[in-house]
Amino acid sequence: MWTYQHTHFKVHQIPALNDNYIYIIEDCQSDIVCIVDPAQAHIVQQACQTLGLTPTHILNTHHHWDHTDGNAELVQTYHCQVIGNQEDAKRIPCLSHPISANGSFTLGRLHIQHMDMPGHTLGHIAYKIDDALFCGDTLFGGGCGRLFEGTPQQMWQSLQTLANLSDTTQIYCAHEYTLPNLRFARAVDPHNKALKQRITRDTQTRIKKQPTIPSSIGLEKQTNPFLRPLNPAFIQAYNQENNTCFDALQVFTHLRERKNNW
């Protein structure tokens, strides 16, 4: 478990399953404790016992089992409330507080913004608390989620929304996929110096069995191939390399299809 201090809350990062991350958000000035995408209830229970915390809320980004499998047991044990997209009311276990895709609410000192993120799934949302972004499977370190339900256009719009956040925004995504993603990034963006530096740094991080997450919006815009189409120079270089005449959406779509078969 790793802990990160923000202005008035802490984020505790817990590894789960093969490569998932579960996050415990601890409001330092109240009893509010939010669990983001609990893949496994017993992992959360062990961490909360160690930390001396009692979960009050679950924040689900989307309905996939590796983000919701712990819901029922945690609700039974702690009687916590489950928050998620109202459009996925039938697919998120124990959903007690459905919310719209876009909006905000407050829990204790936590002002939580929720944003519509269709692409990976149609009901996917992200949560932002100050400079901390919990984006589920929309944006990864060096990558983005597969398009199981949404269209490339929807995912590209979701990624653009995230790219418009402050560069210092910390990205707490749900999987440790960074090194495989960066190997693909190197193949499609081979002259990117920032990417080469990141590969070296993140490789050393994983050798030490440390997480590459959180990342930041600024770093992802520099090195993530699925955000690089925001840069006209990257589009020009990509078109020259692939003998194409794509716009930003088309470059993103082409990259996503290539990654599917990587």
Protein backbone atom coordinates (compact mmCIF):
# COMPACT_ATOMS: atom_id res chain seq x y z
CA MET A 1 0.00 0.00 0.00
CA TRP A 2 1.19 3.50 -0.86
CA THR A 3 -0.16 6.78 0.53
CA TYR A 4 -0.25 10.21 -1.13
CA GLN A 5 -1.06 13.43 0.71
CA HIS A 6 -3.26 16.04 -0.95
CA THR A 7 -4.47 19.33 0.50
CA HIS A 8 -7.01 17.95 2.98
CA PHE A 9 -7.24 14.28 2.10
CA LYS A 10 -5.05 11.24 1.63
CA VAL A 11 -5.15 8.66 -1.14
CA HIS A 12 -4.18 5.14 -0.16
CA GLN A 13 -3.32 2.98 -3.19
CA ILE A 14 -3.83 -0.77 -2.84
CA PRO A 15 -2.81 -3.40 -5.41
CA ALA A 16 -5.44 -6.04 -6.17
CA LEU A 17 -5.93 -8.97 -8.55
CA ASN A 18 -3.14 -9.14 -11.15
CA ASP A 19 -2.75 -5.47 -11.99
CA ASN A 20 -5.68 -3.52 -10.47
CA TYR A 21 -5.46 -0.61 -8.10
CA ILE A 22 -8.11 0.15 -5.50
CA TYR A 23 -8.04 3.60 -3.90
CA ILE A 24 -9.08 4.62 -0.41
CA ILE A 25 -9.75 8.35 -0.11
CA GLU A 26 -9.48 9.54 3.47
CA ASP A 27 -10.91 12.94 4.35
CA CYS A 28 -8.49 14.19 6.99
CA GLN A 29 -11.09 16.44 8.64
CA SER A 30 -14.12 14.15 8.85
CA ASP A 31 -15.06 10.48 9.05
CA ILE A 32 -15.65 10.25 5.27
CA VAL A 33 -13.77 7.35 3.67
CA CYS A 34 -14.40 6.60 -0.01
CA ILE A 35 -13.39 3.41 -1.77
CA VAL A 36 -12.83 3.77 -5.52
CA ASP A 37 -13.61 0.65 -7.60
CA PRO A 38 -13.26 -2.12 -4.99
CA ALA A 39 -12.23 -5.15 -7.01
CA GLN A 40 -11.83 -7.31 -3.90
CA ALA A 41 -13.57 -6.71 -0.59
CA HIS A 42 -11.04 -8.52 1.61
CA ILE A 43 -8.18 -6.37 0.26
CA VAL A 44 -10.10 -3.25 1.28
CA GLN A 45 -10.99 -4.70 4.67
CA GLN A 46 -7.36 -5.55 5.43
CA ALA A 47 -6.17 -2.09 4.39
CA CYS A 48 -8.87 -0.31 6.39
CA GLN A 49 -8.05 -2.38 9.46
CA THR A 50 -4.39 -1.42 9.12
CA LEU A 51 -5.27 2.25 8.64
CA GLY A 52 -7.96 2.33 11.30
CA LEU A 53 -10.59 3.51 8.82
CA THR A 54 -14.25 2.64 8.23
CA PRO A 55 -15.53 2.97 4.64
CA THR A 56 -18.53 5.25 4.28
CA HIS A 57 -18.88 5.39 0.48
CA ILE A 58 -17.96 3.46 -2.66
CA LEU A 59 -17.29 5.39 -5.88
CA ASN A 60 -17.68 3.21 -8.97
CA THR A 61 -16.35 4.47 -12.30
CA HIS A 62 -18.11 1.76 -14.30
CA HIS A 63 -19.80 -1.60 -14.01
CA HIS A 64 -17.06 -4.11 -14.92
CA TRP A 65 -16.61 -6.86 -12.33
CA ASP A 66 -13.01 -5.97 -11.55
CA HIS A 67 -14.25 -2.59 -10.35
CA THR A 68 -17.41 -3.66 -8.51
CA ASP A 69 -16.88 -7.20 -7.21
CA GLY A 70 -16.28 -5.99 -3.66
CA ASN A 71 -19.39 -3.81 -3.49
CA ALA A 72 -21.82 -6.28 -1.91
CA GLU A 73 -19.51 -7.51 0.85
CA LEU A 74 -18.36 -4.01 1.74
CA VAL A 75 -21.96 -2.80 1.94
CA GLN A 76 -22.86 -5.76 4.12
CA THR A 77 -19.88 -5.19 6.42
CA TYR A 78 -19.80 -1.39 6.66
CA HIS A 79 -23.27 -0.31 5.45
CA CYS A 80 -21.52 2.13 3.11
CA GLN A 81 -23.30 3.96 0.30
CA VAL A 82 -22.57 3.09 -3.33
CA ILE A 83 -22.31 5.96 -5.83
CA GLY A 84 -22.26 5.47 -9.59
CA ASN A 85 -23.73 6.53 -12.90
CA GLN A 86 -27.53 6.35 -12.93
CA GLU A 87 -27.31 5.01 -16.49
CA ASP A 88 -25.69 1.87 -15.07
CA ALA A 89 -28.15 1.38 -12.22
CA LYS A 90 -28.88 -2.18 -13.36
CA ARG A 91 -25.21 -3.09 -13.80
CA ILE A 92 -23.52 -1.69 -10.66
CA PRO A 93 -24.08 -3.96 -7.65
CA CYS A 94 -25.78 -2.38 -4.63
CA LEU A 95 -25.97 1.08 -6.24
CA SER A 96 -27.74 3.22 -3.64
CA HIS A 97 -26.96 6.75 -4.83
CA PRO A 98 -27.20 7.05 -8.64
CA ILE A 99 -25.79 10.26 -10.05
CA SER A 100 -25.89 11.94 -13.44
CA ALA A 101 -22.91 11.63 -15.78
CA ASN A 102 -21.83 15.23 -15.12
CA GLY A 103 -22.09 17.21 -11.92
CA SER A 104 -20.67 17.44 -8.42
CA PHE A 105 -21.43 16.65 -4.80
CA THR A 106 -19.77 17.11 -1.43
CA LEU A 107 -18.87 14.53 1.21
CA GLY A 108 -17.32 16.05 4.31
CA ARG A 109 -14.53 18.30 3.01
CA LEU A 110 -14.39 16.44 -0.29
CA HIS A 111 -15.85 18.35 -3.21
CA ILE A 112 -16.23 15.65 -5.85
CA GLN A 113 -16.71 16.45 -9.52
CA HIS A 114 -17.97 13.63 -11.74
CA MET A 115 -17.48 13.66 -15.49
CA ASP A 116 -19.01 11.69 -18.35
CA MET A 117 -16.34 9.43 -19.89
CA PRO A 118 -18.00 7.20 -22.53
CA GLY A 119 -15.72 4.99 -24.59
CA HIS A 120 -14.52 2.04 -22.55
CA THR A 121 -18.16 1.60 -21.52
CA LEU A 122 -21.10 3.86 -22.25
CA GLY A 123 -21.75 4.56 -18.57
CA HIS A 124 -18.16 5.25 -17.55
CA ILE A 125 -17.55 8.30 -15.36
CA ALA A 126 -14.48 9.80 -13.68
CA TYR A 127 -14.23 11.50 -10.29
CA LYS A 128 -12.05 14.54 -9.60
CA ILE A 129 -11.24 15.86 -6.14
CA ASP A 130 -9.05 18.96 -6.24
CA ASP A 131 -5.91 17.82 -8.09
CA ALA A 132 -6.67 14.08 -7.91
CA LEU A 133 -8.40 12.33 -10.82
CA PHE A 134 -9.87 8.84 -10.48
CA CYS A 135 -10.45 7.87 -14.09
CA GLY A 136 -11.01 4.11 -13.94
CA ASP A 137 -10.27 2.58 -17.34
CA THR A 138 -10.49 5.72 -19.50
CA LEU A 139 -6.88 6.93 -19.27
CA PHE A 140 -3.94 4.77 -18.22
CA GLY A 141 -0.27 5.44 -17.78
CA GLY A 142 0.81 5.60 -21.42
CA GLY A 143 -2.50 4.28 -22.73
CA CYS A 144 -6.30 4.29 -22.73
CA GLY A 145 -9.05 1.74 -22.27
CA ARG A 146 -10.34 -0.60 -24.94
CA LEU A 147 -13.58 0.42 -26.63
CA PHE A 148 -15.96 -2.26 -25.40
CA GLU A 149 -19.14 -0.22 -25.84
CA GLY A 150 -18.35 3.28 -27.01
CA THR A 151 -17.11 4.66 -30.31
CA PRO A 152 -13.68 6.09 -31.11
CA GLN A 153 -15.26 9.53 -31.31
CA GLN A 154 -16.70 9.16 -27.80
CA MET A 155 -13.41 8.02 -26.34
CA TRP A 156 -11.48 10.75 -28.11
CA GLN A 157 -13.86 13.34 -26.68
CA SER A 158 -13.44 11.84 -23.21
CA LEU A 159 -9.66 11.99 -23.50
CA GLN A 160 -9.79 15.58 -24.70
CA THR A 161 -11.87 16.47 -21.65
CA LEU A 162 -9.20 14.99 -19.39
CA ALA A 163 -6.39 16.66 -21.37
CA ASN A 164 -8.00 20.04 -20.64
CA LEU A 165 -7.45 19.56 -16.91
CA SER A 166 -4.44 21.16 -15.26
CA ASP A 167 -1.14 19.51 -16.18
CA THR A 168 -0.47 18.96 -12.47
CA THR A 169 -3.61 16.84 -12.03
CA GLN A 170 -2.62 13.47 -10.56
CA ILE A 171 -4.00 10.47 -12.44
CA TYR A 172 -5.14 7.58 -10.28
CA CYS A 173 -6.18 5.01 -12.88
CA ALA A 174 -7.34 1.49 -12.13
CA HIS A 175 -4.54 -0.64 -13.62
CA GLU A 176 -0.76 -0.94 -13.70
CA TYR A 177 -0.44 -1.17 -17.49
CA THR A 178 2.24 1.47 -17.93
CA LEU A 179 5.25 -0.49 -19.19
CA PRO A 180 3.37 -2.52 -21.84
CA ASN A 181 1.67 0.70 -22.93
CA LEU A 182 5.00 2.50 -23.22
CA ARG A 183 6.44 -0.25 -25.40
CA PHE A 184 3.62 0.40 -27.86
CA ALA A 185 4.14 4.16 -27.50
CA ARG A 186 7.81 3.79 -28.43
CA ALA A 187 6.85 1.92 -31.61
CA VAL A 188 4.51 4.66 -32.83
CA ASP A 189 6.37 7.70 -31.44
CA PRO A 190 10.03 6.65 -31.67
CA HIS A 191 11.62 10.13 -31.66
CA ASN A 192 9.87 11.37 -28.50
CA LYS A 193 12.62 12.30 -25.99
CA ALA A 194 10.19 12.68 -23.10
CA LEU A 195 8.88 9.20 -23.84
CA LYS A 196 12.37 7.70 -23.81
CA GLN A 197 13.05 9.33 -20.45
CA ARG A 198 9.77 8.04 -19.07
CA ILE A 199 10.47 4.48 -20.22
CA THR A 200 13.81 4.53 -18.40
CA ARG A 201 12.33 6.00 -15.24
CA ASP A 202 9.23 3.80 -15.11
CA THR A 203 11.22 0.67 -15.87
CA GLN A 204 13.41 1.36 -12.85
CA THR A 205 10.30 2.06 -10.78
CA ARG A 206 8.83 -1.34 -11.60
CA ILE A 207 12.13 -3.11 -10.96
CA LYS A 208 11.85 -1.70 -7.44
CA LYS A 209 8.26 -3.07 -7.29
CA GLN A 210 6.85 0.43 -6.97
CA PRO A 211 3.79 1.76 -8.85
CA THR A 212 4.13 4.01 -11.90
CA ILE A 213 0.77 5.45 -10.89
CA PRO A 214 -0.16 8.19 -10.13
CA SER A 215 0.90 9.85 -13.31
CA SER A 216 -0.04 13.39 -14.32
CA ILE A 217 -2.00 15.00 -17.13
CA GLY A 218 1.13 16.90 -18.21
CA LEU A 219 3.21 13.74 -18.48
CA GLU A 220 0.48 11.90 -20.38
CA LYS A 221 0.15 14.70 -22.91
CA GLN A 222 3.89 14.46 -23.56
CA THR A 223 4.19 10.67 -23.77
CA ASN A 224 0.82 8.92 -24.14
CA PRO A 225 0.20 8.06 -27.82
CA PHE A 226 -3.56 8.39 -27.35
CA LEU A 227 -3.16 12.02 -26.30
CA ARG A 228 -0.39 12.85 -28.76
CA PRO A 229 -2.91 13.58 -31.58
CA LEU A 230 -3.58 16.79 -29.66
CA ASN A 231 -0.21 17.94 -31.07
CA PRO A 232 -0.34 18.96 -34.77
CA ALA A 233 3.35 18.11 -35.17
CA PHE A 234 2.65 14.54 -34.05
CA ILE A 235 -0.23 14.26 -36.53
CA GLN A 236 2.03 15.48 -39.34
CA ALA A 237 4.80 13.04 -38.43
CA TYR A 238 2.35 10.17 -38.05
CA ASN A 239 0.80 10.82 -41.45
CA GLN A 240 4.23 10.96 -43.09
CA GLU A 241 5.29 7.72 -41.41
CA ASN A 242 2.10 5.86 -42.37
CA ASN A 243 1.45 7.52 -45.74
CA THR A 244 -1.95 8.72 -44.54
CA CYS A 245 -3.85 12.00 -44.36
CA PHE A 246 -5.60 11.64 -41.02
CA ASP A 247 -7.04 14.28 -38.73
CA ALA A 248 -6.73 13.97 -34.94
CA LEU A 249 -9.73 11.66 -34.49
CA GLN A 250 -8.59 9.43 -37.33
CA VAL A 251 -5.07 9.20 -35.90
CA PHE A 252 -6.51 8.25 -32.51
CA THR A 253 -8.78 5.64 -34.12
CA HIS A 254 -5.90 4.17 -36.11
CA LEU A 255 -3.72 4.00 -32.99
CA ARG A 256 -6.46 2.33 -30.95
CA GLU A 257 -6.95 -0.30 -33.66
CA ARG A 258 -3.21 -0.93 -33.82
CA LYS A 259 -3.02 -1.28 -30.05
CA ASN A 260 -5.88 -3.82 -30.11
CA ASN A 261 -3.67 -6.10 -32.19
CA TRP A 262 -0.34 -5.26 -30.53
